[in-house]
PDB file of N, CA and C in Angstrom:
ATOM      1  N   UNK A   1    -115.802 152.291  37.873  1.00  0.00           N
ATOM      2  CA  UNK A   1    -115.851 153.387  36.911  1.00  0.00           C
ATOM      3  C   UNK A   1    -114.749 153.201  35.878  1.00  0.00           C
ATOM      4  N   UNK A   2    -115.093 153.415  34.625  1.00  0.00           N
ATOM      5  CA  UNK A   2    -114.123 153.282  33.547  1.00  0.00           C
ATOM      6  C   UNK A   2    -113.164 154.468  33.567  1.00  0.00           C
ATOM      7  N   UNK A   3    -111.890 154.160  33.435  1.00  0.00           N
ATOM      8  CA  UNK A   3    -110.874 155.210  33.488  1.00  0.00           C
ATOM      9  C   UNK A   3    -110.907 156.073  32.233  1.00  0.00           C
ATOM     10  N   UNK A   4    -110.527 157.322  32.411  1.00  0.00           N
ATOM     11  CA  UNK A   4    -110.409 158.243  31.274  1.00  0.00           C
ATOM     12  C   UNK A   4    -109.102 158.034  30.537  1.00  0.00           C
ATOM     13  N   UNK A   5    -108.199 157.224  31.123  1.00  0.00           N
ATOM     14  CA  UNK A   5    -106.847 157.095  30.590  1.00  0.00           C
ATOM     15  C   UNK A   5    -106.509 155.630  30.320  1.00  0.00           C
ATOM     16  N   UNK A   6    -105.582 155.426  29.402  1.00  0.00           N
ATOM     17  CA  UNK A   6    -105.080 154.078  29.149  1.00  0.00           C
ATOM     18  C   UNK A   6    -104.340 153.579  30.385  1.00  0.00           C
ATOM     19  N   UNK A   7    -104.329 152.278  30.585  1.00  0.00           N
ATOM     20  CA  UNK A   7    -103.628 151.695  31.724  1.00  0.00           C
ATOM     21  C   UNK A   7    -102.165 152.137  31.712  1.00  0.00           C
ATOM     22  N   UNK A   8    -101.551 152.129  30.527  1.00  0.00           N
ATOM     23  CA  UNK A   8    -100.136 152.498  30.422  1.00  0.00           C
ATOM     24  C   UNK A   8     -99.888 153.977  30.754  1.00  0.00           C
ATOM     25  N   UNK A   9    -100.920 154.800  30.673  1.00  0.00           N
ATOM     26  CA  UNK A   9    -100.793 156.233  30.953  1.00  0.00           C
ATOM     27  C   UNK A   9    -101.265 156.612  32.354  1.00  0.00           C
ATOM     28  N   UNK A  10    -101.770 155.640  33.110  1.00  0.00           N
ATOM     29  CA  UNK A  10    -102.403 155.958  34.385  1.00  0.00           C
ATOM     30  C   UNK A  10    -101.441 156.609  35.386  1.00  0.00           C
ATOM     31  N   UNK A  11    -100.206 156.113  35.472  1.00  0.00           N
ATOM     32  CA  UNK A  11     -99.255 156.715  36.411  1.00  0.00           C
ATOM     33  C   UNK A  11     -98.965 158.173  36.051  1.00  0.00           C
ATOM     34  N   UNK A  12     -98.771 158.424  34.768  1.00  0.00           N
ATOM     35  CA  UNK A  12     -98.522 159.799  34.331  1.00  0.00           C
ATOM     36  C   UNK A  12     -99.745 160.677  34.618  1.00  0.00           C
ATOM     37  N   UNK A  13    -100.932 160.135  34.372  1.00  0.00           N
ATOM     38  CA  UNK A  13    -102.158 160.892  34.646  1.00  0.00           C
ATOM     39  C   UNK A  13    -102.279 161.190  36.139  1.00  0.00           C
ATOM     40  N   UNK A  14    -101.977 160.209  36.972  1.00  0.00           N
ATOM     41  CA  UNK A  14    -102.034 160.435  38.421  1.00  0.00           C
ATOM     42  C   UNK A  14    -101.065 161.537  38.837  1.00  0.00           C
ATOM     43  N   UNK A  15     -99.855 161.514  38.276  1.00  0.00           N
ATOM     44  CA  UNK A  15     -98.873 162.561  38.590  1.00  0.00           C
ATOM     45  C   UNK A  15     -99.361 163.937  38.152  1.00  0.00           C
ATOM     46  N   UNK A  16     -99.953 163.995  36.961  1.00  0.00           N
ATOM     47  CA  UNK A  16    -100.472 165.280  36.464  1.00  0.00           C
ATOM     48  C   UNK A  16    -101.647 165.763  37.306  1.00  0.00           C
ATOM     49  N   UNK A  17    -102.503 164.839  37.738  1.00  0.00           N
ATOM     50  CA  UNK A  17    -103.619 165.221  38.602  1.00  0.00           C
ATOM     51  C   UNK A  17    -103.107 165.767  39.933  1.00  0.00           C
ATOM     52  N   UNK A  18    -102.093 165.125  40.479  1.00  0.00           N
ATOM     53  CA  UNK A  18    -101.480 165.628  41.720  1.00  0.00           C
ATOM     54  C   UNK A  18    -100.879 167.012  41.499  1.00  0.00           C
ATOM     55  N   UNK A  19    -100.149 167.161  40.414  1.00  0.00           N
ATOM     56  CA  UNK A  19     -99.520 168.443  40.092  1.00  0.00           C
ATOM     57  C   UNK A  19    -100.578 169.535  39.921  1.00  0.00           C
ATOM     58  N   UNK A  20    -101.663 169.190  39.242  1.00  0.00           N
ATOM     59  CA  UNK A  20    -102.763 170.133  39.045  1.00  0.00           C
ATOM     60  C   UNK A  20    -103.284 170.625  40.394  1.00  0.00           C
ATOM     61  N   UNK A  21    -103.582 169.690  41.292  1.00  0.00           N
ATOM     62  CA  UNK A  21    -104.148 170.060  42.584  1.00  0.00           C
ATOM     63  C   UNK A  21    -103.194 170.891  43.427  1.00  0.00           C
ATOM     64  N   UNK A  22    -101.943 170.481  43.477  1.00  0.00           N
ATOM     65  CA  UNK A  22    -100.941 171.209  44.266  1.00  0.00           C
ATOM     66  C   UNK A  22    -100.773 172.630  43.735  1.00  0.00           C
ATOM     67  N   UNK A  23    -100.596 172.746  42.415  1.00  0.00           N
ATOM     68  CA  UNK A  23    -100.376 174.071  41.828  1.00  0.00           C
ATOM     69  C   UNK A  23    -101.606 174.968  41.944  1.00  0.00           C
ATOM     70  N   UNK A  24    -102.787 174.382  41.848  1.00  0.00           N
ATOM     71  CA  UNK A  24    -104.002 175.178  42.002  1.00  0.00           C
ATOM     72  C   UNK A  24    -104.098 175.734  43.418  1.00  0.00           C
ATOM     73  N   UNK A  25    -103.817 174.890  44.401  1.00  0.00           N
ATOM     74  CA  UNK A  25    -103.832 175.370  45.792  1.00  0.00           C
ATOM     75  C   UNK A  25    -102.787 176.444  46.021  1.00  0.00           C
ATOM     76  N   UNK A  26    -101.590 176.253  45.482  1.00  0.00           N
ATOM     77  CA  UNK A  26    -100.535 177.259  45.638  1.00  0.00           C
ATOM     78  C   UNK A  26    -100.904 178.564  44.939  1.00  0.00           C
ATOM     79  N   UNK A  27    -101.548 178.456  43.796  1.00  0.00           N
ATOM     80  CA  UNK A  27    -101.977 179.661  43.076  1.00  0.00           C
ATOM     81  C   UNK A  27    -102.985 180.447  43.894  1.00  0.00           C
ATOM     82  N   UNK A  28    -103.922 179.749  44.506  1.00  0.00           N
ATOM     83  CA  UNK A  28    -104.938 180.421  45.318  1.00  0.00           C
ATOM     84  C   UNK A  28    -104.297 181.072  46.539  1.00  0.00           C
ATOM     85  N   UNK A  29    -103.402 180.319  47.186  1.00  0.00           N
ATOM     86  CA  UNK A  29    -102.703 180.890  48.354  1.00  0.00           C
ATOM     87  C   UNK A  29    -101.915 182.141  47.963  1.00  0.00           C
ATOM     88  N   UNK A  30    -101.196 182.061  46.860  1.00  0.00           N
ATOM     89  CA  UNK A  30    -100.405 183.217  46.405  1.00  0.00           C
ATOM     90  C   UNK A  30    -101.309 184.388  46.074  1.00  0.00           C
ATOM     91  N   UNK A  31    -102.419 184.118  45.422  1.00  0.00           N
ATOM     92  CA  UNK A  31    -103.370 185.171  45.077  1.00  0.00           C
ATOM     93  C   UNK A  31    -103.896 185.861  46.338  1.00  0.00           C
ATOM     94  N   UNK A  32    -104.292 185.040  47.315  1.00  0.00           N
ATOM     95  CA  UNK A  32    -104.848 185.609  48.549  1.00  0.00           C
ATOM     96  C   UNK A  32    -103.825 186.443  49.321  1.00  0.00           C
ATOM     97  N   UNK A  33    -102.546 186.115  49.138  1.00  0.00           N
ATOM     98  CA  UNK A  33    -101.479 186.879  49.807  1.00  0.00           C
ATOM     99  C   UNK A  33    -101.040 188.088  48.972  1.00  0.00           C
ATOM    100  N   UNK A  34    -101.612 188.225  47.771  1.00  0.00           N
ATOM    101  CA  UNK A  34    -101.241 189.341  46.909  1.00  0.00           C
ATOM    102  C   UNK A  34     -99.968 189.093  46.116  1.00  0.00           C
ATOM    103  N   UNK A  35     -99.467 187.845  46.102  1.00  0.00           N
ATOM    104  CA  UNK A  35     -98.280 187.492  45.318  1.00  0.00           C
ATOM    105  C   UNK A  35     -98.717 187.073  43.908  1.00  0.00           C
ATOM    106  N   UNK A  36     -99.083 188.061  43.110  1.00  0.00           N
ATOM    107  CA  UNK A  36     -99.694 187.785  41.815  1.00  0.00           C
ATOM    108  C   UNK A  36     -98.737 187.144  40.820  1.00  0.00           C
ATOM    109  N   UNK A  37     -97.457 187.528  40.883  1.00  0.00           N
ATOM    110  CA  UNK A  37     -96.467 186.903  39.983  1.00  0.00           C
ATOM    111  C   UNK A  37     -96.381 185.402  40.257  1.00  0.00           C
ATOM    112  N   UNK A  38     -96.330 185.044  41.538  1.00  0.00           N
ATOM    113  CA  UNK A  38     -96.293 183.624  41.900  1.00  0.00           C
ATOM    114  C   UNK A  38     -97.582 182.927  41.467  1.00  0.00           C
ATOM    115  N   UNK A  39     -98.705 183.605  41.682  1.00  0.00           N
ATOM    116  CA  UNK A  39     -99.997 183.026  41.288  1.00  0.00           C
ATOM    117  C   UNK A  39    -100.028 182.751  39.788  1.00  0.00           C
ATOM    118  N   UNK A  40     -99.478 183.662  39.011  1.00  0.00           N
ATOM    119  CA  UNK A  40     -99.419 183.471  37.555  1.00  0.00           C
ATOM    120  C   UNK A  40     -98.603 182.225  37.225  1.00  0.00           C
ATOM    121  N   UNK A  41     -97.450 182.088  37.864  1.00  0.00           N
ATOM    122  CA  UNK A  41     -96.592 180.924  37.602  1.00  0.00           C
ATOM    123  C   UNK A  41     -97.303 179.621  37.945  1.00  0.00           C
ATOM    124  N   UNK A  42     -97.972 179.608  39.086  1.00  0.00           N
ATOM    125  CA  UNK A  42     -98.693 178.390  39.481  1.00  0.00           C
ATOM    126  C   UNK A  42     -99.845 178.087  38.528  1.00  0.00           C
ATOM    127  N   UNK A  43    -100.536 179.126  38.081  1.00  0.00           N
ATOM    128  CA  UNK A  43    -101.622 178.908  37.113  1.00  0.00           C
ATOM    129  C   UNK A  43    -101.079 178.391  35.779  1.00  0.00           C
ATOM    130  N   UNK A  44     -99.910 178.854  35.380  1.00  0.00           N
ATOM    131  CA  UNK A  44     -99.294 178.322  34.157  1.00  0.00           C
ATOM    132  C   UNK A  44     -99.002 176.829  34.314  1.00  0.00           C
ATOM    133  N   UNK A  45     -98.568 176.427  35.508  1.00  0.00           N
ATOM    134  CA  UNK A  45     -98.344 175.005  35.769  1.00  0.00           C
ATOM    135  C   UNK A  45     -99.659 174.217  35.749  1.00  0.00           C
ATOM    136  N   UNK A  46    -100.720 174.825  36.280  1.00  0.00           N
ATOM    137  CA  UNK A  46    -102.045 174.197  36.236  1.00  0.00           C
ATOM    138  C   UNK A  46    -102.454 173.962  34.790  1.00  0.00           C
ATOM    139  N   UNK A  47    -102.271 174.978  33.964  1.00  0.00           N
ATOM    140  CA  UNK A  47    -102.636 174.877  32.539  1.00  0.00           C
ATOM    141  C   UNK A  47    -101.828 173.781  31.859  1.00  0.00           C
ATOM    142  N   UNK A  48    -100.530 173.704  32.154  1.00  0.00           N
ATOM    143  CA  UNK A  48     -99.689 172.665  31.560  1.00  0.00           C
ATOM    144  C   UNK A  48    -100.188 171.272  31.957  1.00  0.00           C
ATOM    145  N   UNK A  49    -100.570 171.101  33.202  1.00  0.00           N
ATOM    146  CA  UNK A  49    -101.112 169.812  33.646  1.00  0.00           C
ATOM    147  C   UNK A  49    -102.406 169.490  32.907  1.00  0.00           C
ATOM    148  N   UNK A  50    -103.250 170.494  32.720  1.00  0.00           N
ATOM    149  CA  UNK A  50    -104.499 170.266  31.990  1.00  0.00           C
ATOM    150  C   UNK A  50    -104.238 169.866  30.538  1.00  0.00           C
ATOM    151  N   UNK A  51    -103.251 170.500  29.895  1.00  0.00           N
ATOM    152  CA  UNK A  51    -102.891 170.109  28.530  1.00  0.00           C
ATOM    153  C   UNK A  51    -102.438 168.649  28.486  1.00  0.00           C
ATOM    154  N   UNK A  52    -101.603 168.261  29.448  1.00  0.00           N
ATOM    155  CA  UNK A  52    -101.110 166.884  29.482  1.00  0.00           C
ATOM    156  C   UNK A  52    -102.244 165.897  29.745  1.00  0.00           C
ATOM    157  N   UNK A  53    -103.121 166.225  30.677  1.00  0.00           N
ATOM    158  CA  UNK A  53    -104.262 165.357  30.960  1.00  0.00           C
ATOM    159  C   UNK A  53    -105.170 165.229  29.740  1.00  0.00           C
ATOM    160  N   UNK A  54    -105.346 166.316  29.019  1.00  0.00           N
ATOM    161  CA  UNK A  54    -106.176 166.273  27.810  1.00  0.00           C
ATOM    162  C   UNK A  54    -105.541 165.376  26.749  1.00  0.00           C
ATOM    163  N   UNK A  55    -104.217 165.447  26.606  1.00  0.00           N
ATOM    164  CA  UNK A  55    -103.524 164.569  25.649  1.00  0.00           C
ATOM    165  C   UNK A  55    -103.724 163.102  26.020  1.00  0.00           C
ATOM    166  N   UNK A  56    -103.571 162.811  27.295  1.00  0.00           N
ATOM    167  CA  UNK A  56    -103.729 161.429  27.757  1.00  0.00           C
ATOM    168  C   UNK A  56    -105.165 160.948  27.553  1.00  0.00           C
ATOM    169  N   UNK A  57    -106.120 161.815  27.812  1.00  0.00           N
ATOM    170  CA  UNK A  57    -107.528 161.460  27.592  1.00  0.00           C
ATOM    171  C   UNK A  57    -107.799 161.209  26.109  1.00  0.00           C
ATOM    172  N   UNK A  58    -107.220 162.045  25.254  1.00  0.00           N
ATOM    173  CA  UNK A  58    -107.393 161.856  23.810  1.00  0.00           C
ATOM    174  C   UNK A  58    -106.746 160.558  23.334  1.00  0.00           C
ATOM    175  N   UNK A  59    -105.604 160.192  23.930  1.00  0.00           N
ATOM    176  CA  UNK A  59    -104.991 158.898  23.594  1.00  0.00           C
ATOM    177  C   UNK A  59    -105.967 157.762  23.851  1.00  0.00           C
ATOM    178  N   UNK A  60    -106.661 157.805  24.982  1.00  0.00           N
ATOM    179  CA  UNK A  60    -107.629 156.770  25.342  1.00  0.00           C
ATOM    180  C   UNK A  60    -108.802 156.778  24.377  1.00  0.00           C
ATOM    181  N   UNK A  61    -109.294 157.965  24.053  1.00  0.00           N
ATOM    182  CA  UNK A  61    -110.438 158.072  23.134  1.00  0.00           C
ATOM    183  C   UNK A  61    -110.098 157.485  21.773  1.00  0.00           C
ATOM    184  N   UNK A  62    -108.918 157.821  21.258  1.00  0.00           N
ATOM    185  CA  UNK A  62    -108.489 157.310  19.955  1.00  0.00           C
ATOM    186  C   UNK A  62    -108.282 155.801  20.019  1.00  0.00           C
ATOM    187  N   UNK A  63    -107.655 155.337  21.074  1.00  0.00           N
ATOM    188  CA  UNK A  63    -107.431 153.894  21.258  1.00  0.00           C
ATOM    189  C   UNK A  63    -108.761 153.146  21.273  1.00  0.00           C
ATOM    190  N   UNK A  64    -109.726 153.658  22.025  1.00  0.00           N
ATOM    191  CA  UNK A  64    -111.034 153.008  22.114  1.00  0.00           C
ATOM    192  C   UNK A  64    -111.742 152.997  20.758  1.00  0.00           C
ATOM    193  N   UNK A  65    -111.610 154.080  20.017  1.00  0.00           N
ATOM    194  CA  UNK A  65    -112.238 154.149  18.699  1.00  0.00           C
ATOM    195  C   UNK A  65    -111.607 153.137  17.745  1.00  0.00           C
ATOM    196  N   UNK A  66    -110.282 153.024  17.780  1.00  0.00           N
ATOM    197  CA  UNK A  66    -109.579 152.060  16.924  1.00  0.00           C
ATOM    198  C   UNK A  66    -109.986 150.638  17.304  1.00  0.00           C
ATOM    199  N   UNK A  67    -110.064 150.353  18.605  1.00  0.00           N
ATOM    200  CA  UNK A  67    -110.468 149.015  19.062  1.00  0.00           C
ATOM    201  C   UNK A  67    -111.879 148.691  18.573  1.00  0.00           C
ATOM    202  N   UNK A  68    -112.770 149.665  18.611  1.00  0.00           N
ATOM    203  CA  UNK A  68    -114.137 149.464  18.146  1.00  0.00           C
ATOM    204  C   UNK A  68    -114.153 149.131  16.651  1.00  0.00           C
ATOM    205  N   UNK A  69    -113.409 149.891  15.868  1.00  0.00           N
ATOM    206  CA  UNK A  69    -113.351 149.673  14.422  1.00  0.00           C
ATOM    207  C   UNK A  69    -112.746 148.310  14.119  1.00  0.00           C
ATOM    208  N   UNK A  70    -111.673 147.957  14.820  1.00  0.00           N
ATOM    209  CA  UNK A  70    -111.066 146.637  14.615  1.00  0.00           C
ATOM    210  C   UNK A  70    -112.035 145.514  14.960  1.00  0.00           C
ATOM    211  N   UNK A  71    -112.835 145.728  15.992  1.00  0.00           N
ATOM    212  CA  UNK A  71    -113.855 144.737  16.357  1.00  0.00           C
ATOM    213  C   UNK A  71    -114.888 144.568  15.252  1.00  0.00           C
ATOM    214  N   UNK A  72    -115.278 145.669  14.634  1.00  0.00           N
ATOM    215  CA  UNK A  72    -116.231 145.591  13.522  1.00  0.00           C
ATOM    216  C   UNK A  72    -115.632 144.855  12.333  1.00  0.00           C
ATOM    217  N   UNK A  73    -114.370 145.143  12.038  1.00  0.00           N
ATOM    218  CA  UNK A  73    -113.686 144.477  10.921  1.00  0.00           C
ATOM    219  C   UNK A  73    -113.600 142.979  11.183  1.00  0.00           C
ATOM    220  N   UNK A  74    -113.238 142.604  12.416  1.00  0.00           N
ATOM    221  CA  UNK A  74    -113.140 141.188  12.766  1.00  0.00           C
ATOM    222  C   UNK A  74    -114.501 140.507  12.634  1.00  0.00           C
ATOM    223  N   UNK A  75    -115.550 141.166  13.082  1.00  0.00           N
ATOM    224  CA  UNK A  75    -116.895 140.582  12.976  1.00  0.00           C
ATOM    225  C   UNK A  75    -117.281 140.363  11.515  1.00  0.00           C
ATOM    226  N   UNK A  76    -116.970 141.326  10.664  1.00  0.00           N
ATOM    227  CA  UNK A  76    -117.260 141.167   9.225  1.00  0.00           C
ATOM    228  C   UNK A  76    -116.455 140.019   8.626  1.00  0.00           C
ATOM    229  N   UNK A  77    -115.176 139.951   8.989  1.00  0.00           N
ATOM    230  CA  UNK A  77    -114.319 138.874   8.478  1.00  0.00           C
ATOM    231  C   UNK A  77    -114.843 137.522   8.935  1.00  0.00           C
ATOM    232  N   UNK A  78    -115.227 137.416  10.193  1.00  0.00           N
ATOM    233  CA  UNK A  78    -115.761 136.157  10.720  1.00  0.00           C
ATOM    234  C   UNK A  78    -117.045 135.779  10.010  1.00  0.00           C
ATOM    235  N   UNK A  79    -117.875 136.767   9.713  1.00  0.00           N
ATOM    236  CA  UNK A  79    -119.136 136.507   9.016  1.00  0.00           C
ATOM    237  C   UNK A  79    -118.857 135.931   7.628  1.00  0.00           C
ATOM    238  N   UNK A  80    -117.921 136.527   6.892  1.00  0.00           N
ATOM    239  CA  UNK A  80    -117.609 136.028   5.550  1.00  0.00           C
ATOM    240  C   UNK A  80    -116.944 134.662   5.589  1.00  0.00           C
ATOM    241  N   UNK A  81    -116.132 134.404   6.607  1.00  0.00           N
ATOM    242  CA  UNK A  81    -115.521 133.080   6.747  1.00  0.00           C
ATOM    243  C   UNK A  81    -116.588 132.026   7.022  1.00  0.00           C
ATOM    244  N   UNK A  82    -117.570 132.357   7.835  1.00  0.00           N
ATOM    245  CA  UNK A  82    -118.668 131.436   8.106  1.00  0.00           C
ATOM    246  C   UNK A  82    -119.466 131.165   6.842  1.00  0.00           C
ATOM    247  N   UNK A  83    -119.744 132.193   6.081  1.00  0.00           N
ATOM    248  CA  UNK A  83    -120.482 132.028   4.826  1.00  0.00           C
ATOM    249  C   UNK A  83    -119.724 131.106   3.882  1.00  0.00           C
ATOM    250  N   UNK A  84    -118.416 131.305   3.778  1.00  0.00           N
ATOM    251  CA  UNK A  84    -117.583 130.456   2.920  1.00  0.00           C
ATOM    252  C   UNK A  84    -117.606 129.007   3.386  1.00  0.00           C
ATOM    253  N   UNK A  85    -117.532 128.778   4.682  1.00  0.00           N
ATOM    254  CA  UNK A  85    -117.583 127.423   5.230  1.00  0.00           C
ATOM    255  C   UNK A  85    -118.929 126.766   4.918  1.00  0.00           C
ATOM    256  N   UNK A  86    -119.997 127.519   5.056  1.00  0.00           N
ATOM    257  CA  UNK A  86    -121.323 126.974   4.765  1.00  0.00           C
ATOM    258  C   UNK A  86    -121.492 126.668   3.276  1.00  0.00           C
ATOM    259  N   UNK A  87    -120.906 127.481   2.417  1.00  0.00           N
ATOM    260  CA  UNK A  87    -120.959 127.232   0.968  1.00  0.00           C
ATOM    261  C   UNK A  87    -120.206 125.968   0.605  1.00  0.00           C
ATOM    262  N   UNK A  88    -119.056 125.754   1.266  1.00  0.00           N
ATOM    263  CA  UNK A  88    -118.266 124.550   0.992  1.00  0.00           C
ATOM    264  C   UNK A  88    -119.000 123.294   1.407  1.00  0.00           C
ATOM    265  N   UNK A  89    -119.799 123.387   2.457  1.00  0.00           N
ATOM    266  CA  UNK A  89    -120.543 122.233   2.965  1.00  0.00           C
ATOM    267  C   UNK A  89    -121.781 121.957   2.132  1.00  0.00           C
ATOM    268  N   UNK A  90    -122.246 122.949   1.392  1.00  0.00           N
ATOM    269  CA  UNK A  90    -123.508 122.788   0.636  1.00  0.00           C
ATOM    270  C   UNK A  90    -123.291 121.977  -0.621  1.00  0.00           C
TER     271      UNK A  90
END
């Protein structure tokens, strides 16, 4: 499966995913115990992890888009270089 994150961001993404899961479980536990203030704090941490994960995912999306565009530019450049070589040989 293709990763949602850049290789360089994978460790940070893994940490955020762990943080998300831990804080979500703690929020649910606090809620069930009636500790709503604690539940709010844990949910705020969940939201922060989601923001960070979204940033990392967007980094990958932008990187992939740039790589695609660069590939198109290279293909066009190679095509024109080939045409020039063929013209010189003619």
